[in-house]
N, C-alpha and C. Protein backbone atom coordinates (compact mmCIF):
# COMPACT_ATOMS: atom_id res chain seq x y z
N MET A 1 70.78 38.45 -103.01
CA MET A 1 72.02 38.06 -102.40
C MET A 1 73.10 39.06 -102.81
N SER A 2 73.92 39.44 -101.84
CA SER A 2 74.93 40.45 -102.12
C SER A 2 76.05 39.88 -103.00
N THR A 3 76.68 40.77 -103.72
CA THR A 3 77.81 40.39 -104.56
C THR A 3 78.94 39.84 -103.71
N GLU A 4 79.13 40.41 -102.54
CA GLU A 4 80.19 39.97 -101.62
C GLU A 4 79.94 38.52 -101.17
N LYS A 5 78.70 38.20 -100.83
CA LYS A 5 78.37 36.84 -100.40
C LYS A 5 78.56 35.87 -101.56
N LYS A 6 78.11 36.26 -102.72
CA LYS A 6 78.24 35.42 -103.92
C LYS A 6 79.72 35.14 -104.21
N GLN A 7 80.56 36.16 -104.08
CA GLN A 7 82.00 35.99 -104.31
C GLN A 7 82.60 35.04 -103.28
N ARG A 8 82.19 35.18 -102.02
CA ARG A 8 82.70 34.30 -100.97
C ARG A 8 82.29 32.85 -101.25
N GLN A 9 81.05 32.65 -101.65
CA GLN A 9 80.58 31.31 -101.98
C GLN A 9 81.41 30.70 -103.11
N TRP A 10 81.68 31.51 -104.14
CA TRP A 10 82.46 31.01 -105.27
C TRP A 10 83.87 30.64 -104.82
N GLU A 11 84.49 31.49 -104.01
CA GLU A 11 85.85 31.20 -103.53
C GLU A 11 85.88 29.95 -102.66
N LEU A 12 84.89 29.78 -101.79
CA LEU A 12 84.81 28.57 -100.97
C LEU A 12 84.60 27.33 -101.84
N ALA A 13 83.73 27.45 -102.83
CA ALA A 13 83.49 26.33 -103.75
C ALA A 13 84.76 25.97 -104.49
N ASP A 14 85.52 26.97 -104.92
CA ASP A 14 86.77 26.74 -105.63
C ASP A 14 87.78 26.01 -104.73
N ARG A 15 87.90 26.45 -103.48
CA ARG A 15 88.83 25.83 -102.54
C ARG A 15 88.39 24.40 -102.19
N LEU A 16 87.09 24.21 -102.02
CA LEU A 16 86.57 22.88 -101.72
C LEU A 16 86.81 21.93 -102.89
N HIS A 17 86.56 22.41 -104.08
CA HIS A 17 86.80 21.61 -105.29
C HIS A 17 88.26 21.18 -105.36
N SER A 18 89.16 22.10 -105.14
CA SER A 18 90.59 21.81 -105.18
C SER A 18 90.99 20.82 -104.08
N ALA A 19 90.48 21.03 -102.87
CA ALA A 19 90.81 20.13 -101.75
C ALA A 19 90.29 18.72 -102.03
N ALA A 20 89.09 18.60 -102.58
CA ALA A 20 88.52 17.29 -102.87
C ALA A 20 89.36 16.55 -103.91
N ILE A 21 89.77 17.25 -104.94
CA ILE A 21 90.60 16.63 -105.98
C ILE A 21 91.93 16.18 -105.39
N HIS A 22 92.57 17.03 -104.60
CA HIS A 22 93.86 16.66 -104.00
C HIS A 22 93.72 15.49 -103.04
N LEU A 23 92.65 15.46 -102.25
CA LEU A 23 92.42 14.35 -101.34
C LEU A 23 92.27 13.05 -102.11
N LEU A 24 91.45 13.05 -103.15
CA LEU A 24 91.23 11.83 -103.93
C LEU A 24 92.50 11.38 -104.64
N ARG A 25 93.29 12.32 -105.14
CA ARG A 25 94.55 11.95 -105.80
C ARG A 25 95.51 11.29 -104.81
N ARG A 26 95.60 11.84 -103.61
CA ARG A 26 96.49 11.27 -102.59
C ARG A 26 96.02 9.87 -102.20
N LEU A 27 94.73 9.72 -101.98
CA LEU A 27 94.21 8.42 -101.58
C LEU A 27 94.30 7.39 -102.70
N ARG A 28 94.21 7.87 -103.93
CA ARG A 28 94.27 6.97 -105.09
C ARG A 28 95.62 6.27 -105.18
N LEU A 29 96.65 6.84 -104.55
CA LEU A 29 97.96 6.18 -104.53
C LEU A 29 97.87 4.80 -103.89
N GLN A 30 96.93 4.64 -102.96
CA GLN A 30 96.74 3.34 -102.31
C GLN A 30 96.25 2.29 -103.30
N ASP A 31 95.62 2.72 -104.39
CA ASP A 31 95.07 1.79 -105.37
C ASP A 31 96.16 1.08 -106.17
N LEU A 32 97.35 1.64 -106.19
CA LEU A 32 98.44 1.00 -106.92
C LEU A 32 98.71 -0.40 -106.39
N ALA A 33 98.50 -0.60 -105.09
CA ALA A 33 98.74 -1.91 -104.46
C ALA A 33 97.81 -2.99 -105.01
N SER A 34 96.68 -2.61 -105.60
CA SER A 34 95.74 -3.60 -106.12
C SER A 34 96.23 -4.23 -107.41
N GLY A 35 97.08 -3.51 -108.15
CA GLY A 35 97.54 -4.01 -109.43
C GLY A 35 96.50 -3.89 -110.54
N VAL A 36 95.41 -3.20 -110.25
CA VAL A 36 94.32 -3.03 -111.22
C VAL A 36 94.22 -1.54 -111.55
N GLY A 37 94.02 -1.22 -112.81
CA GLY A 37 93.95 0.17 -113.24
C GLY A 37 92.73 0.91 -112.73
N PRO A 38 92.78 2.24 -112.78
CA PRO A 38 91.69 3.05 -112.24
C PRO A 38 90.35 2.87 -112.95
N ALA A 39 90.34 2.64 -114.24
CA ALA A 39 89.07 2.46 -114.96
C ALA A 39 88.38 1.19 -114.49
N LYS A 40 89.14 0.11 -114.34
CA LYS A 40 88.56 -1.15 -113.86
C LYS A 40 88.06 -1.00 -112.43
N LEU A 41 88.86 -0.34 -111.57
CA LEU A 41 88.45 -0.15 -110.18
C LEU A 41 87.18 0.68 -110.08
N SER A 42 87.07 1.70 -110.91
CA SER A 42 85.89 2.54 -110.88
C SER A 42 84.64 1.76 -111.29
N ALA A 43 84.75 1.01 -112.39
CA ALA A 43 83.60 0.21 -112.85
C ALA A 43 83.27 -0.87 -111.83
N LEU A 44 84.29 -1.49 -111.25
CA LEU A 44 84.07 -2.52 -110.24
C LEU A 44 83.36 -1.94 -109.02
N SER A 45 83.72 -0.72 -108.66
CA SER A 45 83.08 -0.05 -107.54
C SER A 45 81.58 0.13 -107.79
N VAL A 46 81.24 0.55 -108.99
CA VAL A 46 79.82 0.72 -109.35
C VAL A 46 79.09 -0.61 -109.22
N LEU A 47 79.72 -1.69 -109.69
CA LEU A 47 79.09 -3.00 -109.63
C LEU A 47 78.94 -3.49 -108.19
N VAL A 48 79.97 -3.35 -107.40
CA VAL A 48 79.93 -3.84 -106.02
C VAL A 48 78.89 -3.08 -105.21
N PHE A 49 78.87 -1.76 -105.34
CA PHE A 49 77.98 -0.96 -104.50
C PHE A 49 76.58 -0.79 -105.07
N SER A 50 76.35 -1.26 -106.30
CA SER A 50 74.99 -1.21 -106.85
C SER A 50 74.09 -2.22 -106.15
N GLY A 51 74.68 -3.31 -105.68
CA GLY A 51 73.91 -4.32 -104.99
C GLY A 51 73.13 -5.25 -105.90
N ARG A 52 73.31 -5.10 -107.20
CA ARG A 52 72.61 -5.96 -108.15
C ARG A 52 73.41 -6.01 -109.45
N PRO A 53 73.21 -7.05 -110.25
CA PRO A 53 73.87 -7.09 -111.56
C PRO A 53 73.39 -5.92 -112.43
N LEU A 54 74.28 -5.40 -113.24
CA LEU A 54 73.95 -4.28 -114.12
C LEU A 54 74.11 -4.68 -115.57
N THR A 55 73.32 -4.06 -116.43
CA THR A 55 73.52 -4.26 -117.87
C THR A 55 74.73 -3.45 -118.29
N LEU A 56 75.22 -3.76 -119.46
CA LEU A 56 76.35 -3.01 -120.01
C LEU A 56 75.99 -1.54 -120.15
N ALA A 57 74.78 -1.26 -120.62
CA ALA A 57 74.35 0.13 -120.80
C ALA A 57 74.27 0.87 -119.46
N GLU A 58 73.77 0.20 -118.42
CA GLU A 58 73.71 0.83 -117.10
C GLU A 58 75.10 1.15 -116.58
N LEU A 59 76.01 0.21 -116.73
CA LEU A 59 77.38 0.42 -116.26
C LEU A 59 78.07 1.52 -117.06
N ALA A 60 77.89 1.51 -118.37
CA ALA A 60 78.47 2.56 -119.21
C ALA A 60 77.93 3.92 -118.83
N SER A 61 76.65 4.00 -118.58
CA SER A 61 76.03 5.26 -118.19
C SER A 61 76.59 5.74 -116.84
N ALA A 62 76.69 4.83 -115.89
CA ALA A 62 77.21 5.20 -114.56
C ALA A 62 78.65 5.70 -114.65
N GLU A 63 79.42 5.12 -115.56
CA GLU A 63 80.82 5.50 -115.72
C GLU A 63 81.02 6.61 -116.75
N GLN A 64 79.93 7.04 -117.37
CA GLN A 64 79.93 8.11 -118.36
C GLN A 64 80.87 7.83 -119.54
N VAL A 65 80.74 6.59 -120.05
CA VAL A 65 81.47 6.18 -121.25
C VAL A 65 80.49 5.55 -122.22
N LYS A 66 80.92 5.36 -123.44
CA LYS A 66 80.08 4.73 -124.46
C LYS A 66 80.10 3.21 -124.28
N ASN A 67 79.06 2.55 -124.78
CA ASN A 67 78.94 1.10 -124.64
C ASN A 67 80.16 0.33 -125.17
N PRO A 68 80.71 0.67 -126.35
CA PRO A 68 81.87 -0.09 -126.83
C PRO A 68 83.08 0.01 -125.88
N THR A 69 83.28 1.17 -125.30
CA THR A 69 84.37 1.34 -124.34
C THR A 69 84.14 0.45 -123.13
N MET A 70 82.91 0.45 -122.62
CA MET A 70 82.60 -0.36 -121.45
C MET A 70 82.68 -1.85 -121.80
N SER A 71 82.29 -2.20 -123.00
CA SER A 71 82.35 -3.59 -123.43
C SER A 71 83.79 -4.11 -123.37
N ARG A 72 84.74 -3.31 -123.86
CA ARG A 72 86.16 -3.70 -123.80
C ARG A 72 86.64 -3.82 -122.36
N LEU A 73 86.22 -2.87 -121.52
CA LEU A 73 86.62 -2.86 -120.12
C LEU A 73 86.05 -4.08 -119.39
N VAL A 74 84.79 -4.41 -119.64
CA VAL A 74 84.17 -5.57 -119.00
C VAL A 74 84.84 -6.86 -119.46
N ALA A 75 85.17 -6.95 -120.74
CA ALA A 75 85.85 -8.15 -121.24
C ALA A 75 87.19 -8.33 -120.52
N ALA A 76 87.93 -7.24 -120.33
CA ALA A 76 89.20 -7.32 -119.62
C ALA A 76 88.99 -7.70 -118.15
N MET A 77 87.94 -7.16 -117.54
CA MET A 77 87.65 -7.48 -116.15
C MET A 77 87.24 -8.95 -116.01
N GLU A 78 86.54 -9.48 -117.02
CA GLU A 78 86.17 -10.89 -116.99
C GLU A 78 87.43 -11.76 -117.12
N ARG A 79 88.35 -11.39 -117.98
CA ARG A 79 89.62 -12.14 -118.11
C ARG A 79 90.40 -12.14 -116.80
N ASP A 80 90.28 -11.04 -116.05
CA ASP A 80 90.97 -10.93 -114.76
C ASP A 80 90.17 -11.57 -113.62
N HIS A 81 89.04 -12.18 -113.94
CA HIS A 81 88.16 -12.84 -112.95
C HIS A 81 87.63 -11.87 -111.90
N LEU A 82 87.38 -10.62 -112.32
CA LEU A 82 86.82 -9.61 -111.42
C LEU A 82 85.30 -9.51 -111.56
N VAL A 83 84.79 -9.88 -112.74
CA VAL A 83 83.34 -9.84 -112.98
C VAL A 83 82.89 -11.13 -113.64
N ARG A 84 81.60 -11.35 -113.55
CA ARG A 84 80.94 -12.48 -114.18
C ARG A 84 79.89 -11.90 -115.13
N ILE A 85 79.81 -12.48 -116.31
CA ILE A 85 78.84 -12.03 -117.30
C ILE A 85 77.83 -13.15 -117.53
N ALA A 86 76.56 -12.79 -117.51
CA ALA A 86 75.49 -13.76 -117.76
C ALA A 86 74.47 -13.13 -118.71
N PRO A 87 73.84 -13.95 -119.51
CA PRO A 87 72.79 -13.39 -120.39
C PRO A 87 71.61 -12.92 -119.55
N ALA A 88 71.02 -11.83 -119.99
CA ALA A 88 69.82 -11.32 -119.31
C ALA A 88 68.65 -12.25 -119.66
N LYS A 89 67.84 -12.55 -118.66
CA LYS A 89 66.73 -13.49 -118.86
C LYS A 89 65.64 -12.91 -119.74
N ASN A 90 65.43 -11.61 -119.65
CA ASN A 90 64.31 -10.99 -120.38
C ASN A 90 64.71 -10.39 -121.73
N ASP A 91 66.02 -10.43 -122.07
CA ASP A 91 66.47 -9.85 -123.33
C ASP A 91 67.71 -10.60 -123.79
N ALA A 92 67.57 -11.42 -124.80
CA ALA A 92 68.67 -12.27 -125.27
C ALA A 92 69.85 -11.45 -125.79
N ARG A 93 69.62 -10.19 -126.16
CA ARG A 93 70.71 -9.36 -126.67
C ARG A 93 71.49 -8.67 -125.56
N SER A 94 70.99 -8.74 -124.35
CA SER A 94 71.58 -8.00 -123.24
C SER A 94 72.31 -8.94 -122.29
N ILE A 95 73.32 -8.40 -121.61
CA ILE A 95 74.05 -9.18 -120.61
C ILE A 95 73.93 -8.50 -119.25
N LEU A 96 74.11 -9.29 -118.22
CA LEU A 96 74.15 -8.78 -116.86
C LEU A 96 75.56 -9.00 -116.31
N ILE A 97 76.10 -7.98 -115.70
CA ILE A 97 77.46 -8.01 -115.20
C ILE A 97 77.41 -7.91 -113.68
N SER A 98 78.12 -8.80 -113.02
CA SER A 98 78.18 -8.75 -111.56
C SER A 98 79.61 -9.02 -111.11
N PRO A 99 79.98 -8.50 -109.95
CA PRO A 99 81.34 -8.73 -109.46
C PRO A 99 81.49 -10.17 -108.96
N THR A 100 82.67 -10.74 -109.14
CA THR A 100 82.97 -12.04 -108.56
C THR A 100 83.38 -11.81 -107.11
N ALA A 101 83.51 -12.88 -106.37
CA ALA A 101 83.99 -12.78 -104.99
C ALA A 101 85.38 -12.16 -104.98
N ARG A 102 86.21 -12.54 -105.96
CA ARG A 102 87.56 -11.98 -106.07
C ARG A 102 87.50 -10.48 -106.33
N GLY A 103 86.61 -10.07 -107.24
CA GLY A 103 86.48 -8.66 -107.57
C GLY A 103 86.01 -7.84 -106.38
N LYS A 104 85.03 -8.37 -105.67
CA LYS A 104 84.51 -7.66 -104.49
C LYS A 104 85.59 -7.56 -103.41
N ALA A 105 86.31 -8.64 -103.17
CA ALA A 105 87.37 -8.64 -102.15
C ALA A 105 88.47 -7.64 -102.52
N LEU A 106 88.84 -7.61 -103.80
CA LEU A 106 89.88 -6.68 -104.25
C LEU A 106 89.44 -5.23 -104.04
N LEU A 107 88.19 -4.95 -104.38
CA LEU A 107 87.68 -3.58 -104.24
C LEU A 107 87.61 -3.18 -102.77
N LEU A 108 87.09 -4.05 -101.92
CA LEU A 108 86.96 -3.73 -100.50
C LEU A 108 88.32 -3.60 -99.81
N ALA A 109 89.30 -4.39 -100.25
CA ALA A 109 90.65 -4.26 -99.70
C ALA A 109 91.24 -2.90 -100.08
N GLY A 110 90.97 -2.45 -101.30
CA GLY A 110 91.43 -1.13 -101.73
C GLY A 110 90.78 -0.01 -100.93
N LYS A 111 89.49 -0.15 -100.69
CA LYS A 111 88.79 0.85 -99.88
C LYS A 111 89.38 0.89 -98.48
N LYS A 112 89.68 -0.27 -97.92
CA LYS A 112 90.26 -0.33 -96.58
C LYS A 112 91.62 0.37 -96.55
N ARG A 113 92.44 0.16 -97.57
CA ARG A 113 93.75 0.84 -97.63
C ARG A 113 93.58 2.35 -97.67
N ARG A 114 92.61 2.84 -98.48
CA ARG A 114 92.39 4.29 -98.57
C ARG A 114 91.88 4.85 -97.25
N VAL A 115 90.92 4.17 -96.63
CA VAL A 115 90.36 4.65 -95.36
C VAL A 115 91.41 4.59 -94.26
N ASP A 116 92.21 3.51 -94.23
CA ASP A 116 93.29 3.42 -93.23
C ASP A 116 94.27 4.58 -93.39
N SER A 117 94.62 4.89 -94.63
CA SER A 117 95.56 5.97 -94.91
C SER A 117 95.00 7.31 -94.42
N LEU A 118 93.73 7.55 -94.70
CA LEU A 118 93.09 8.79 -94.27
C LEU A 118 92.97 8.83 -92.75
N ALA A 119 92.60 7.72 -92.13
CA ALA A 119 92.48 7.67 -90.67
C ALA A 119 93.82 7.96 -90.02
N ASN A 120 94.89 7.42 -90.58
CA ASN A 120 96.22 7.68 -90.04
C ASN A 120 96.59 9.16 -90.16
N ALA A 121 96.17 9.79 -91.23
CA ALA A 121 96.45 11.22 -91.41
C ALA A 121 95.69 12.07 -90.39
N LEU A 122 94.58 11.56 -89.88
CA LEU A 122 93.79 12.29 -88.89
C LEU A 122 94.37 12.18 -87.48
N ASP A 123 95.41 11.38 -87.32
CA ASP A 123 96.05 11.21 -86.01
C ASP A 123 96.45 12.54 -85.37
N VAL A 124 96.82 13.51 -86.19
CA VAL A 124 97.33 14.78 -85.66
C VAL A 124 96.21 15.71 -85.19
N CYS A 125 94.97 15.34 -85.48
CA CYS A 125 93.84 16.22 -85.14
C CYS A 125 93.46 16.08 -83.67
N ARG A 126 93.15 17.24 -83.09
CA ARG A 126 92.62 17.26 -81.72
C ARG A 126 91.14 16.86 -81.76
N LYS A 127 90.56 16.57 -80.59
CA LYS A 127 89.16 16.18 -80.51
C LYS A 127 88.25 17.25 -81.10
N ASP A 128 88.50 18.52 -80.78
CA ASP A 128 87.63 19.58 -81.29
C ASP A 128 87.73 19.69 -82.82
N GLU A 129 88.90 19.40 -83.36
CA GLU A 129 89.06 19.42 -84.82
C GLU A 129 88.31 18.25 -85.45
N LEU A 130 88.37 17.09 -84.81
CA LEU A 130 87.62 15.93 -85.32
C LEU A 130 86.11 16.20 -85.26
N ASP A 131 85.66 16.86 -84.20
CA ASP A 131 84.24 17.22 -84.08
C ASP A 131 83.84 18.16 -85.21
N LEU A 132 84.67 19.14 -85.49
CA LEU A 132 84.41 20.10 -86.57
C LEU A 132 84.37 19.38 -87.92
N LEU A 133 85.31 18.46 -88.11
CA LEU A 133 85.34 17.69 -89.36
C LEU A 133 84.07 16.85 -89.51
N GLU A 134 83.64 16.25 -88.42
CA GLU A 134 82.41 15.46 -88.46
C GLU A 134 81.21 16.31 -88.85
N ASP A 135 81.10 17.48 -88.27
CA ASP A 135 80.01 18.39 -88.63
C ASP A 135 80.12 18.83 -90.09
N SER A 136 81.33 19.06 -90.55
CA SER A 136 81.56 19.48 -91.93
C SER A 136 81.15 18.40 -92.91
N ILE A 137 81.39 17.15 -92.56
CA ILE A 137 81.00 16.05 -93.44
C ILE A 137 79.49 16.02 -93.60
N GLU A 138 78.78 16.22 -92.52
CA GLU A 138 77.31 16.24 -92.62
C GLU A 138 76.85 17.40 -93.50
N MET A 139 77.50 18.54 -93.36
CA MET A 139 77.15 19.69 -94.20
C MET A 139 77.46 19.37 -95.67
N LEU A 140 78.59 18.75 -95.93
CA LEU A 140 78.95 18.38 -97.31
C LEU A 140 77.91 17.43 -97.90
N ARG A 141 77.46 16.48 -97.12
CA ARG A 141 76.44 15.54 -97.61
C ARG A 141 75.16 16.28 -98.00
N ALA A 142 74.79 17.25 -97.21
CA ALA A 142 73.60 18.05 -97.52
C ALA A 142 73.81 18.83 -98.82
N ILE A 143 75.00 19.38 -98.99
CA ILE A 143 75.31 20.14 -100.22
C ILE A 143 75.29 19.19 -101.42
N ILE A 144 75.86 18.00 -101.27
CA ILE A 144 75.91 17.03 -102.36
C ILE A 144 74.51 16.65 -102.80
N ARG A 145 73.59 16.51 -101.86
CA ARG A 145 72.20 16.18 -102.21
C ARG A 145 71.56 17.26 -103.06
N ARG A 146 72.03 18.51 -102.94
CA ARG A 146 71.45 19.62 -103.71
C ARG A 146 72.07 19.75 -105.10
N LEU A 147 73.13 19.04 -105.37
CA LEU A 147 73.79 19.15 -106.70
C LEU A 147 72.98 18.46 -107.77
């Protein structure tokens, strides 16, 4: 591979990285309406979209934090009625954490606010630009699978 191509790839990766961070920061402003902090929303998202109860260790691993940190976060989420904690049937020392109906509704309402905000921002795009964006999303998904 040529040095020129490698440099172009690096520059594109740098610009994409920056654009992704800026997009997420802008959309994250919508999360303020939930009244729940970003760490709780992130952990709640993992629980809601996992489709099954998770152990504390699984949730900590998914969020890339240590178990004691996740334990404090889960306790706070339980006080806020966002999650339910139950003992694991096969291991008395382990717990299973699942989102409550309130937690799931709060998370999905936040997602709707973010998607609505982004959809409104796309109002200025022409059809050909929307088509290009759609193709780009598919390409991004393919790239993400290779990471």
